[in-house]
């Protein structure tokens, strides 16, 4: 499990399709946490969680570790794992362009 900083503005992992993208300064958005802006350290934590649980059930020891990580995001491990599994926001593509009223 490796988290890679692709550029100063994106983090990826070889273990998950989830990504983190910098939106300016030390503010990051993570694909499995829609609507939240995180610090850089919190983004690393979120990517670590996503990389740790992709495609398998965590062991009891891993649940304990995940609880500690998720706490830094204001979540429980079970909440975080559920969100990693269900949220599928693609932050690689730019959003829709605003339309003119004219």
PDB file of N, CA and C in Angstrom:
ATOM      1  N   UNK A   1       0.852  -1.169   0.000  1.00  0.00           N
ATOM      2  CA  UNK A   1       0.000   0.000   0.000  1.00  0.00           C
ATOM      3  C   UNK A   1       0.895   1.229   0.000  1.00  0.00           C
ATOM      4  N   UNK A   2       0.839   1.972  -1.073  1.00  0.00           N
ATOM      5  CA  UNK A   2       1.628   3.188  -1.161  1.00  0.00           C
ATOM      6  C   UNK A   2       0.735   4.339  -1.585  1.00  0.00           C
ATOM      7  N   UNK A   3       0.860   5.446  -0.880  1.00  0.00           N
ATOM      8  CA  UNK A   3       0.153   6.658  -1.265  1.00  0.00           C
ATOM      9  C   UNK A   3       1.165   7.534  -1.966  1.00  0.00           C
ATOM     10  N   UNK A   4       0.814   7.960  -3.155  1.00  0.00           N
ATOM     11  CA  UNK A   4       1.742   8.729  -3.970  1.00  0.00           C
ATOM     12  C   UNK A   4       1.196  10.140  -4.162  1.00  0.00           C
ATOM     13  N   UNK A   5       2.057  11.110  -3.955  1.00  0.00           N
ATOM     14  CA  UNK A   5       1.694  12.486  -4.279  1.00  0.00           C
ATOM     15  C   UNK A   5       2.085  12.676  -5.740  1.00  0.00           C
ATOM     16  N   UNK A   6       1.081  12.673  -6.625  1.00  0.00           N
ATOM     17  CA  UNK A   6       1.309  12.749  -8.056  1.00  0.00           C
ATOM     18  C   UNK A   6       1.888  14.102  -8.434  1.00  0.00           C
ATOM     19  N   UNK A   7       1.384  15.123  -7.826  1.00  0.00           N
ATOM     20  CA  UNK A   7       1.898  16.481  -8.008  1.00  0.00           C
ATOM     21  C   UNK A   7       1.588  17.208  -6.711  1.00  0.00           C
ATOM     22  N   UNK A   8       1.875  18.464  -6.658  1.00  0.00           N
ATOM     23  CA  UNK A   8       1.563  19.221  -5.445  1.00  0.00           C
ATOM     24  C   UNK A   8       0.059  19.332  -5.251  1.00  0.00           C
ATOM     25  N   UNK A   9      -0.709  18.833  -6.221  1.00  0.00           N
ATOM     26  CA  UNK A   9      -2.151  19.012  -6.136  1.00  0.00           C
ATOM     27  C   UNK A   9      -2.958  17.716  -6.135  1.00  0.00           C
ATOM     28  N   UNK A  10      -2.313  16.524  -6.108  1.00  0.00           N
ATOM     29  CA  UNK A  10      -3.081  15.289  -6.134  1.00  0.00           C
ATOM     30  C   UNK A  10      -2.356  14.154  -5.424  1.00  0.00           C
ATOM     31  N   UNK A  11      -3.126  13.336  -4.670  1.00  0.00           N
ATOM     32  CA  UNK A  11      -2.614  12.110  -4.051  1.00  0.00           C
ATOM     33  C   UNK A  11      -3.396  10.933  -4.602  1.00  0.00           C
ATOM     34  N   UNK A  12      -2.686   9.847  -4.911  1.00  0.00           N
ATOM     35  CA  UNK A  12      -3.321   8.615  -5.356  1.00  0.00           C
ATOM     36  C   UNK A  12      -2.723   7.449  -4.583  1.00  0.00           C
ATOM     37  N   UNK A  13      -3.266   6.271  -4.812  1.00  0.00           N
ATOM     38  CA  UNK A  13      -2.755   5.065  -4.184  1.00  0.00           C
ATOM     39  C   UNK A  13      -2.835   3.928  -5.181  1.00  0.00           C
ATOM     40  N   UNK A  14      -1.895   2.990  -5.084  1.00  0.00           N
ATOM     41  CA  UNK A  14      -1.947   1.817  -5.950  1.00  0.00           C
ATOM     42  C   UNK A  14      -2.976   0.804  -5.457  1.00  0.00           C
ATOM     43  N   UNK A  15      -3.590   1.046  -4.288  1.00  0.00           N
ATOM     44  CA  UNK A  15      -4.538   0.110  -3.685  1.00  0.00           C
ATOM     45  C   UNK A  15      -5.996   0.519  -3.830  1.00  0.00           C
ATOM     46  N   UNK A  16      -6.261   1.730  -4.299  1.00  0.00           N
ATOM     47  CA  UNK A  16      -7.639   2.218  -4.381  1.00  0.00           C
ATOM     48  C   UNK A  16      -7.775   3.200  -5.534  1.00  0.00           C
ATOM     49  N   UNK A  17      -8.990   3.322  -6.025  1.00  0.00           N
ATOM     50  CA  UNK A  17      -9.270   4.319  -7.068  1.00  0.00           C
ATOM     51  C   UNK A  17      -9.535   5.696  -6.466  1.00  0.00           C
ATOM     52  N   UNK A  18      -9.698   5.774  -5.149  1.00  0.00           N
ATOM     53  CA  UNK A  18      -9.952   7.068  -4.513  1.00  0.00           C
ATOM     54  C   UNK A  18      -8.716   7.959  -4.615  1.00  0.00           C
ATOM     55  N   UNK A  19      -8.980   9.264  -4.687  1.00  0.00           N
ATOM     56  CA  UNK A  19      -7.889  10.237  -4.780  1.00  0.00           C
ATOM     57  C   UNK A  19      -8.173  11.406  -3.842  1.00  0.00           C
ATOM     58  N   UNK A  20      -7.138  12.184  -3.592  1.00  0.00           N
ATOM     59  CA  UNK A  20      -7.265  13.455  -2.882  1.00  0.00           C
ATOM     60  C   UNK A  20      -6.714  14.533  -3.805  1.00  0.00           C
ATOM     61  N   UNK A  21      -7.400  15.671  -3.822  1.00  0.00           N
ATOM     62  CA  UNK A  21      -6.975  16.762  -4.703  1.00  0.00           C
ATOM     63  C   UNK A  21      -6.899  18.048  -3.894  1.00  0.00           C
ATOM     64  N   UNK A  22      -5.808  18.773  -4.068  1.00  0.00           N
ATOM     65  CA  UNK A  22      -5.621  20.057  -3.384  1.00  0.00           C
ATOM     66  C   UNK A  22      -6.486  21.111  -4.068  1.00  0.00           C
ATOM     67  N   UNK A  23      -7.188  21.894  -3.244  1.00  0.00           N
ATOM     68  CA  UNK A  23      -8.037  22.946  -3.790  1.00  0.00           C
ATOM     69  C   UNK A  23      -7.509  24.331  -3.422  1.00  0.00           C
ATOM     70  N   UNK A  24      -6.271  24.376  -2.936  1.00  0.00           N
ATOM     71  CA  UNK A  24      -5.633  25.641  -2.614  1.00  0.00           C
ATOM     72  C   UNK A  24      -5.088  25.655  -1.204  1.00  0.00           C
ATOM     73  N   UNK A  25      -3.890  26.163  -1.065  1.00  0.00           N
ATOM     74  CA  UNK A  25      -3.252  26.187   0.250  1.00  0.00           C
ATOM     75  C   UNK A  25      -3.101  24.773   0.779  1.00  0.00           C
ATOM     76  N   UNK A  26      -3.447  24.580   2.025  1.00  0.00           N
ATOM     77  CA  UNK A  26      -3.412  23.246   2.625  1.00  0.00           C
ATOM     78  C   UNK A  26      -4.833  22.718   2.768  1.00  0.00           C
ATOM     79  N   UNK A  27      -5.648  22.916   1.734  1.00  0.00           N
ATOM     80  CA  UNK A  27      -7.032  22.440   1.737  1.00  0.00           C
ATOM     81  C   UNK A  27      -7.175  21.371   0.660  1.00  0.00           C
ATOM     82  N   UNK A  28      -7.716  20.229   1.064  1.00  0.00           N
ATOM     83  CA  UNK A  28      -7.831  19.070   0.185  1.00  0.00           C
ATOM     84  C   UNK A  28      -9.248  18.527   0.201  1.00  0.00           C
ATOM     85  N   UNK A  29      -9.674  17.969  -0.933  1.00  0.00           N
ATOM     86  CA  UNK A  29     -10.915  17.205  -1.010  1.00  0.00           C
ATOM     87  C   UNK A  29     -10.542  15.771  -1.353  1.00  0.00           C
ATOM     88  N   UNK A  30     -11.288  14.832  -0.780  1.00  0.00           N
ATOM     89  CA  UNK A  30     -11.026  13.403  -0.969  1.00  0.00           C
ATOM     90  C   UNK A  30     -12.271  12.783  -1.585  1.00  0.00           C
ATOM     91  N   UNK A  31     -12.082  11.918  -2.558  1.00  0.00           N
ATOM     92  CA  UNK A  31     -13.204  11.392  -3.333  1.00  0.00           C
ATOM     93  C   UNK A  31     -14.239  10.657  -2.500  1.00  0.00           C
ATOM     94  N   UNK A  32     -13.866  10.056  -1.393  1.00  0.00           N
ATOM     95  CA  UNK A  32     -14.870   9.341  -0.594  1.00  0.00           C
ATOM     96  C   UNK A  32     -15.460  10.187   0.524  1.00  0.00           C
ATOM     97  N   UNK A  33     -15.080  11.452   0.610  1.00  0.00           N
ATOM     98  CA  UNK A  33     -15.624  12.373   1.609  1.00  0.00           C
ATOM     99  C   UNK A  33     -16.211  13.614   0.929  1.00  0.00           C
ATOM    100  N   UNK A  34     -17.284  13.436   0.158  1.00  0.00           N
ATOM    101  CA  UNK A  34     -17.838  14.579  -0.582  1.00  0.00           C
ATOM    102  C   UNK A  34     -18.330  15.673   0.359  1.00  0.00           C
ATOM    103  N   UNK A  35     -18.090  16.909  -0.048  1.00  0.00           N
ATOM    104  CA  UNK A  35     -18.567  18.040   0.717  1.00  0.00           C
ATOM    105  C   UNK A  35     -17.683  18.450   1.884  1.00  0.00           C
ATOM    106  N   UNK A  36     -16.562  17.772   2.060  1.00  0.00           N
ATOM    107  CA  UNK A  36     -15.656  18.117   3.163  1.00  0.00           C
ATOM    108  C   UNK A  36     -14.332  18.611   2.609  1.00  0.00           C
ATOM    109  N   UNK A  37     -13.757  19.586   3.285  1.00  0.00           N
ATOM    110  CA  UNK A  37     -12.423  20.077   2.963  1.00  0.00           C
ATOM    111  C   UNK A  37     -11.524  19.712   4.133  1.00  0.00           C
ATOM    112  N   UNK A  38     -10.395  19.086   3.833  1.00  0.00           N
ATOM    113  CA  UNK A  38      -9.488  18.578   4.849  1.00  0.00           C
ATOM    114  C   UNK A  38      -8.140  19.269   4.778  1.00  0.00           C
ATOM    115  N   UNK A  39      -7.372  19.145   5.850  1.00  0.00           N
ATOM    116  CA  UNK A  39      -5.971  19.583   5.824  1.00  0.00           C
ATOM    117  C   UNK A  39      -5.171  18.533   5.053  1.00  0.00           C
ATOM    118  N   UNK A  40      -3.949  18.845   4.728  1.00  0.00           N
ATOM    119  CA  UNK A  40      -3.087  17.883   4.041  1.00  0.00           C
ATOM    120  C   UNK A  40      -2.897  16.609   4.849  1.00  0.00           C
ATOM    121  N   UNK A  41      -2.686  16.737   6.165  1.00  0.00           N
ATOM    122  CA  UNK A  41      -2.511  15.556   7.007  1.00  0.00           C
ATOM    123  C   UNK A  41      -3.785  14.721   7.064  1.00  0.00           C
ATOM    124  N   UNK A  42      -4.931  15.373   7.145  1.00  0.00           N
ATOM    125  CA  UNK A  42      -6.194  14.637   7.143  1.00  0.00           C
ATOM    126  C   UNK A  42      -6.406  13.927   5.805  1.00  0.00           C
ATOM    127  N   UNK A  43      -5.983  14.544   4.704  1.00  0.00           N
ATOM    128  CA  UNK A  43      -6.102  13.906   3.392  1.00  0.00           C
ATOM    129  C   UNK A  43      -5.235  12.650   3.325  1.00  0.00           C
ATOM    130  N   UNK A  44      -4.027  12.717   3.878  1.00  0.00           N
ATOM    131  CA  UNK A  44      -3.172  11.526   3.937  1.00  0.00           C
ATOM    132  C   UNK A  44      -3.852  10.445   4.769  1.00  0.00           C
ATOM    133  N   UNK A  45      -4.448  10.828   5.887  1.00  0.00           N
ATOM    134  CA  UNK A  45      -5.165   9.884   6.736  1.00  0.00           C
ATOM    135  C   UNK A  45      -6.324   9.247   5.977  1.00  0.00           C
ATOM    136  N   UNK A  46      -7.096  10.065   5.260  1.00  0.00           N
ATOM    137  CA  UNK A  46      -8.229   9.548   4.488  1.00  0.00           C
ATOM    138  C   UNK A  46      -7.757   8.586   3.400  1.00  0.00           C
ATOM    139  N   UNK A  47      -6.672   8.922   2.735  1.00  0.00           N
ATOM    140  CA  UNK A  47      -6.142   8.029   1.695  1.00  0.00           C
ATOM    141  C   UNK A  47      -5.593   6.739   2.310  1.00  0.00           C
ATOM    142  N   UNK A  48      -5.016   6.825   3.499  1.00  0.00           N
ATOM    143  CA  UNK A  48      -4.521   5.634   4.192  1.00  0.00           C
ATOM    144  C   UNK A  48      -5.686   4.705   4.520  1.00  0.00           C
ATOM    145  N   UNK A  49      -6.781   5.272   4.993  1.00  0.00           N
ATOM    146  CA  UNK A  49      -7.965   4.458   5.281  1.00  0.00           C
ATOM    147  C   UNK A  49      -8.459   3.777   4.006  1.00  0.00           C
ATOM    148  N   UNK A  50      -8.621   4.542   2.938  1.00  0.00           N
ATOM    149  CA  UNK A  50      -9.122   3.979   1.675  1.00  0.00           C
ATOM    150  C   UNK A  50      -8.201   2.882   1.153  1.00  0.00           C
ATOM    151  N   UNK A  51      -6.906   3.085   1.280  1.00  0.00           N
ATOM    152  CA  UNK A  51      -5.939   2.097   0.792  1.00  0.00           C
ATOM    153  C   UNK A  51      -5.931   0.837   1.645  1.00  0.00           C
ATOM    154  N   UNK A  52      -6.286   0.977   2.914  1.00  0.00           N
ATOM    155  CA  UNK A  52      -6.230  -0.154   3.841  1.00  0.00           C
ATOM    156  C   UNK A  52      -7.398  -1.109   3.706  1.00  0.00           C
ATOM    157  N   UNK A  53      -8.516  -0.661   3.179  1.00  0.00           N
ATOM    158  CA  UNK A  53      -9.728  -1.489   3.221  1.00  0.00           C
ATOM    159  C   UNK A  53     -10.282  -1.869   1.864  1.00  0.00           C
ATOM    160  N   UNK A  54      -9.655  -1.479   0.803  1.00  0.00           N
ATOM    161  CA  UNK A  54     -10.199  -1.738  -0.514  1.00  0.00           C
ATOM    162  C   UNK A  54     -10.213  -3.232  -0.828  1.00  0.00           C
ATOM    163  N   UNK A  55     -11.416  -3.747  -1.053  1.00  0.00           N
ATOM    164  CA  UNK A  55     -11.566  -5.115  -1.537  1.00  0.00           C
ATOM    165  C   UNK A  55     -11.483  -6.225  -0.502  1.00  0.00           C
ATOM    166  N   UNK A  56     -11.449  -5.881   0.796  1.00  0.00           N
ATOM    167  CA  UNK A  56     -11.380  -6.957   1.789  1.00  0.00           C
ATOM    168  C   UNK A  56     -11.898  -6.465   3.130  1.00  0.00           C
ATOM    169  N   UNK A  57     -12.205  -7.429   4.000  1.00  0.00           N
ATOM    170  CA  UNK A  57     -12.658  -7.090   5.347  1.00  0.00           C
ATOM    171  C   UNK A  57     -11.456  -6.949   6.264  1.00  0.00           C
ATOM    172  N   UNK A  58     -11.402  -5.884   7.042  1.00  0.00           N
ATOM    173  CA  UNK A  58     -10.276  -5.696   7.968  1.00  0.00           C
ATOM    174  C   UNK A  58     -10.292  -6.729   9.105  1.00  0.00           C
ATOM    175  N   UNK A  59      -9.119  -7.048   9.597  1.00  0.00           N
ATOM    176  CA  UNK A  59      -8.990  -7.914  10.772  1.00  0.00           C
ATOM    177  C   UNK A  59      -9.357  -7.105  12.012  1.00  0.00           C
ATOM    178  N   UNK A  60      -9.482  -7.760  13.153  1.00  0.00           N
ATOM    179  CA  UNK A  60      -9.792  -7.048  14.395  1.00  0.00           C
ATOM    180  C   UNK A  60      -8.720  -6.007  14.726  1.00  0.00           C
ATOM    181  N   UNK A  61      -7.457  -6.373  14.535  1.00  0.00           N
ATOM    182  CA  UNK A  61      -6.362  -5.424  14.798  1.00  0.00           C
ATOM    183  C   UNK A  61      -6.449  -4.225  13.853  1.00  0.00           C
ATOM    184  N   UNK A  62      -6.827  -4.479  12.599  1.00  0.00           N
ATOM    185  CA  UNK A  62      -6.963  -3.377  11.642  1.00  0.00           C
ATOM    186  C   UNK A  62      -8.132  -2.465  12.010  1.00  0.00           C
ATOM    187  N   UNK A  63      -9.226  -3.028  12.561  1.00  0.00           N
ATOM    188  CA  UNK A  63     -10.344  -2.191  12.990  1.00  0.00           C
ATOM    189  C   UNK A  63      -9.897  -1.215  14.068  1.00  0.00           C
ATOM    190  N   UNK A  64      -9.045  -1.678  14.974  1.00  0.00           N
ATOM    191  CA  UNK A  64      -8.542  -0.806  16.041  1.00  0.00           C
ATOM    192  C   UNK A  64      -7.722   0.330  15.437  1.00  0.00           C
ATOM    193  N   UNK A  65      -6.830  -0.010  14.500  1.00  0.00           N
ATOM    194  CA  UNK A  65      -6.019   1.009  13.828  1.00  0.00           C
ATOM    195  C   UNK A  65      -6.900   1.974  13.048  1.00  0.00           C
ATOM    196  N   UNK A  66      -7.900   1.439  12.335  1.00  0.00           N
ATOM    197  CA  UNK A  66      -8.800   2.277  11.547  1.00  0.00           C
ATOM    198  C   UNK A  66      -9.631   3.207  12.431  1.00  0.00           C
ATOM    199  N   UNK A  67     -10.018   2.739  13.613  1.00  0.00           N
ATOM    200  CA  UNK A  67     -10.745   3.614  14.539  1.00  0.00           C
ATOM    201  C   UNK A  67      -9.905   4.830  14.904  1.00  0.00           C
ATOM    202  N   UNK A  68      -8.623   4.619  15.153  1.00  0.00           N
ATOM    203  CA  UNK A  68      -7.735   5.733  15.479  1.00  0.00           C
ATOM    204  C   UNK A  68      -7.583   6.704  14.324  1.00  0.00           C
ATOM    205  N   UNK A  69      -7.441   6.171  13.110  1.00  0.00           N
ATOM    206  CA  UNK A  69      -7.316   7.038  11.935  1.00  0.00           C
ATOM    207  C   UNK A  69      -8.613   7.795  11.671  1.00  0.00           C
ATOM    208  N   UNK A  70      -9.732   7.087  11.723  1.00  0.00           N
ATOM    209  CA  UNK A  70     -11.027   7.700  11.421  1.00  0.00           C
ATOM    210  C   UNK A  70     -11.370   8.803  12.423  1.00  0.00           C
ATOM    211  N   UNK A  71     -10.938   8.643  13.651  1.00  0.00           N
ATOM    212  CA  UNK A  71     -11.196   9.660  14.677  1.00  0.00           C
ATOM    213  C   UNK A  71     -10.642  11.018  14.252  1.00  0.00           C
ATOM    214  N   UNK A  72      -9.501  11.022  13.570  1.00  0.00           N
ATOM    215  CA  UNK A  72      -8.902  12.279  13.093  1.00  0.00           C
ATOM    216  C   UNK A  72      -9.777  12.961  12.045  1.00  0.00           C
ATOM    217  N   UNK A  73     -10.728  12.206  11.482  1.00  0.00           N
ATOM    218  CA  UNK A  73     -11.647  12.761  10.485  1.00  0.00           C
ATOM    219  C   UNK A  73     -13.045  12.966  11.058  1.00  0.00           C
ATOM    220  N   UNK A  74     -13.203  12.717  12.365  1.00  0.00           N
ATOM    221  CA  UNK A  74     -14.506  12.865  12.993  1.00  0.00           C
ATOM    222  C   UNK A  74     -15.461  11.735  12.674  1.00  0.00           C
ATOM    223  N   UNK A  75     -14.913  10.562  12.361  1.00  0.00           N
ATOM    224  CA  UNK A  75     -15.712   9.401  11.985  1.00  0.00           C
ATOM    225  C   UNK A  75     -15.333   8.203  12.841  1.00  0.00           C
ATOM    226  N   UNK A  76     -16.164   7.171  12.795  1.00  0.00           N
ATOM    227  CA  UNK A  76     -15.768   5.873  13.337  1.00  0.00           C
ATOM    228  C   UNK A  76     -15.174   5.072  12.190  1.00  0.00           C
ATOM    229  N   UNK A  77     -14.482   4.015  12.514  1.00  0.00           N
ATOM    230  CA  UNK A  77     -13.907   3.159  11.472  1.00  0.00           C
ATOM    231  C   UNK A  77     -15.003   2.590  10.582  1.00  0.00           C
ATOM    232  N   UNK A  78     -16.104   2.158  11.175  1.00  0.00           N
ATOM    233  CA  UNK A  78     -17.195   1.563  10.382  1.00  0.00           C
ATOM    234  C   UNK A  78     -17.825   2.595   9.442  1.00  0.00           C
ATOM    235  N   UNK A  79     -17.977   3.829   9.905  1.00  0.00           N
ATOM    236  CA  UNK A  79     -18.485   4.885   9.022  1.00  0.00           C
ATOM    237  C   UNK A  79     -17.529   5.106   7.852  1.00  0.00           C
ATOM    238  N   UNK A  80     -16.235   5.215   8.156  1.00  0.00           N
ATOM    239  CA  UNK A  80     -15.236   5.465   7.118  1.00  0.00           C
ATOM    240  C   UNK A  80     -15.200   4.332   6.105  1.00  0.00           C
ATOM    241  N   UNK A  81     -15.180   3.091   6.575  1.00  0.00           N
ATOM    242  CA  UNK A  81     -15.126   1.939   5.667  1.00  0.00           C
ATOM    243  C   UNK A  81     -16.377   1.898   4.790  1.00  0.00           C
ATOM    244  N   UNK A  82     -17.529   2.194   5.374  1.00  0.00           N
ATOM    245  CA  UNK A  82     -18.758   2.236   4.585  1.00  0.00           C
ATOM    246  C   UNK A  82     -18.708   3.301   3.504  1.00  0.00           C
ATOM    247  N   UNK A  83     -18.174   4.466   3.838  1.00  0.00           N
ATOM    248  CA  UNK A  83     -18.080   5.549   2.858  1.00  0.00           C
ATOM    249  C   UNK A  83     -17.075   5.218   1.762  1.00  0.00           C
ATOM    250  N   UNK A  84     -15.952   4.616   2.129  1.00  0.00           N
ATOM    251  CA  UNK A  84     -14.966   4.217   1.121  1.00  0.00           C
ATOM    252  C   UNK A  84     -15.612   3.270   0.114  1.00  0.00           C
ATOM    253  N   UNK A  85     -16.448   2.369   0.599  1.00  0.00           N
ATOM    254  CA  UNK A  85     -17.084   1.375  -0.269  1.00  0.00           C
ATOM    255  C   UNK A  85     -18.190   1.961  -1.139  1.00  0.00           C
ATOM    256  N   UNK A  86     -18.875   3.006  -0.666  1.00  0.00           N
ATOM    257  CA  UNK A  86     -20.051   3.484  -1.399  1.00  0.00           C
ATOM    258  C   UNK A  86     -19.847   4.772  -2.179  1.00  0.00           C
ATOM    259  N   UNK A  87     -18.974   5.644  -1.744  1.00  0.00           N
ATOM    260  CA  UNK A  87     -18.783   6.929  -2.433  1.00  0.00           C
ATOM    261  C   UNK A  87     -17.894   6.742  -3.653  1.00  0.00           C
ATOM    262  N   UNK A  88     -18.337   7.247  -4.786  1.00  0.00           N
ATOM    263  CA  UNK A  88     -17.609   7.057  -6.047  1.00  0.00           C
ATOM    264  C   UNK A  88     -17.437   8.369  -6.806  1.00  0.00           C
ATOM    265  N   UNK A  89     -17.012   9.412  -6.132  1.00  0.00           N
ATOM    266  CA  UNK A  89     -16.850  10.710  -6.782  1.00  0.00           C
ATOM    267  C   UNK A  89     -15.536  10.754  -7.547  1.00  0.00           C
ATOM    268  N   UNK A  90     -15.608  11.119  -8.825  1.00  0.00           N
ATOM    269  CA  UNK A  90     -14.424  11.190  -9.672  1.00  0.00           C
ATOM    270  C   UNK A  90     -13.873  12.607  -9.653  1.00  0.00           C
ATOM    271  N   UNK A  91     -12.823  12.811  -8.872  1.00  0.00           N
ATOM    272  CA  UNK A  91     -12.229  14.143  -8.761  1.00  0.00           C
ATOM    273  C   UNK A  91     -11.209  14.416  -9.859  1.00  0.00           C
ATOM    274  N   UNK A  92     -10.961  13.446 -10.723  1.00  0.00           N
ATOM    275  CA  UNK A  92      -9.995  13.659 -11.807  1.00  0.00           C
ATOM    276  C   UNK A  92     -10.583  14.511 -12.916  1.00  0.00           C
ATOM    277  N   UNK A  93     -11.899  14.394 -13.102  1.00  0.00           N
ATOM    278  CA  UNK A  93     -12.553  15.161 -14.162  1.00  0.00           C
ATOM    279  C   UNK A  93     -12.978  16.519 -13.635  1.00  0.00           C
ATOM    280  N   UNK A  94     -12.837  17.555 -14.415  1.00  0.00           N
ATOM    281  CA  UNK A  94     -13.339  18.854 -13.969  1.00  0.00           C
ATOM    282  C   UNK A  94     -14.862  18.823 -13.925  1.00  0.00           C
ATOM    283  N   UNK A  95     -15.430  19.653 -13.078  1.00  0.00           N
ATOM    284  CA  UNK A  95     -16.877  19.728 -12.955  1.00  0.00           C
ATOM    285  C   UNK A  95     -17.506  20.334 -14.194  1.00  0.00           C
ATOM    286  N   UNK A  96     -18.834  20.312 -14.265  1.00  0.00           N
ATOM    287  CA  UNK A  96     -19.506  20.896 -15.431  1.00  0.00           C
ATOM    288  C   UNK A  96     -19.266  22.402 -15.489  1.00  0.00           C
ATOM    289  N   UNK A  97     -19.204  22.900 -16.689  1.00  0.00           N
ATOM    290  CA  UNK A  97     -19.006  24.334 -16.878  1.00  0.00           C
ATOM    291  C   UNK A  97     -20.307  25.072 -16.599  1.00  0.00           C
ATOM    292  N   UNK A  98     -20.221  26.206 -15.935  1.00  0.00           N
ATOM    293  CA  UNK A  98     -21.445  26.966 -15.687  1.00  0.00           C
ATOM    294  C   UNK A  98     -22.050  27.448 -17.009  1.00  0.00           C
ATOM    295  N   UNK A  99     -23.354  27.420 -17.078  1.00  0.00           N
ATOM    296  CA  UNK A  99     -24.034  27.886 -18.309  1.00  0.00           C
ATOM    297  C   UNK A  99     -24.439  29.348 -18.168  1.00  0.00           C
ATOM    298  N   UNK A 100     -24.399  30.017 -19.260  1.00  0.00           N
ATOM    299  CA  UNK A 100     -24.835  31.408 -19.286  1.00  0.00           C
ATOM    300  C   UNK A 100     -26.355  31.465 -19.362  1.00  0.00           C
ATOM    301  N   UNK A 101     -26.928  32.481 -18.777  1.00  0.00           N
ATOM    302  CA  UNK A 101     -28.374  32.653 -18.859  1.00  0.00           C
ATOM    303  C   UNK A 101     -28.806  33.284 -20.170  1.00  0.00           C
ATOM    304  N   UNK A 102     -27.869  33.701 -20.953  1.00  0.00           N
ATOM    305  CA  UNK A 102     -28.200  34.372 -22.220  1.00  0.00           C
ATOM    306  C   UNK A 102     -28.191  33.413 -23.351  1.00  0.00           C
TER     307      UNK A 102
END
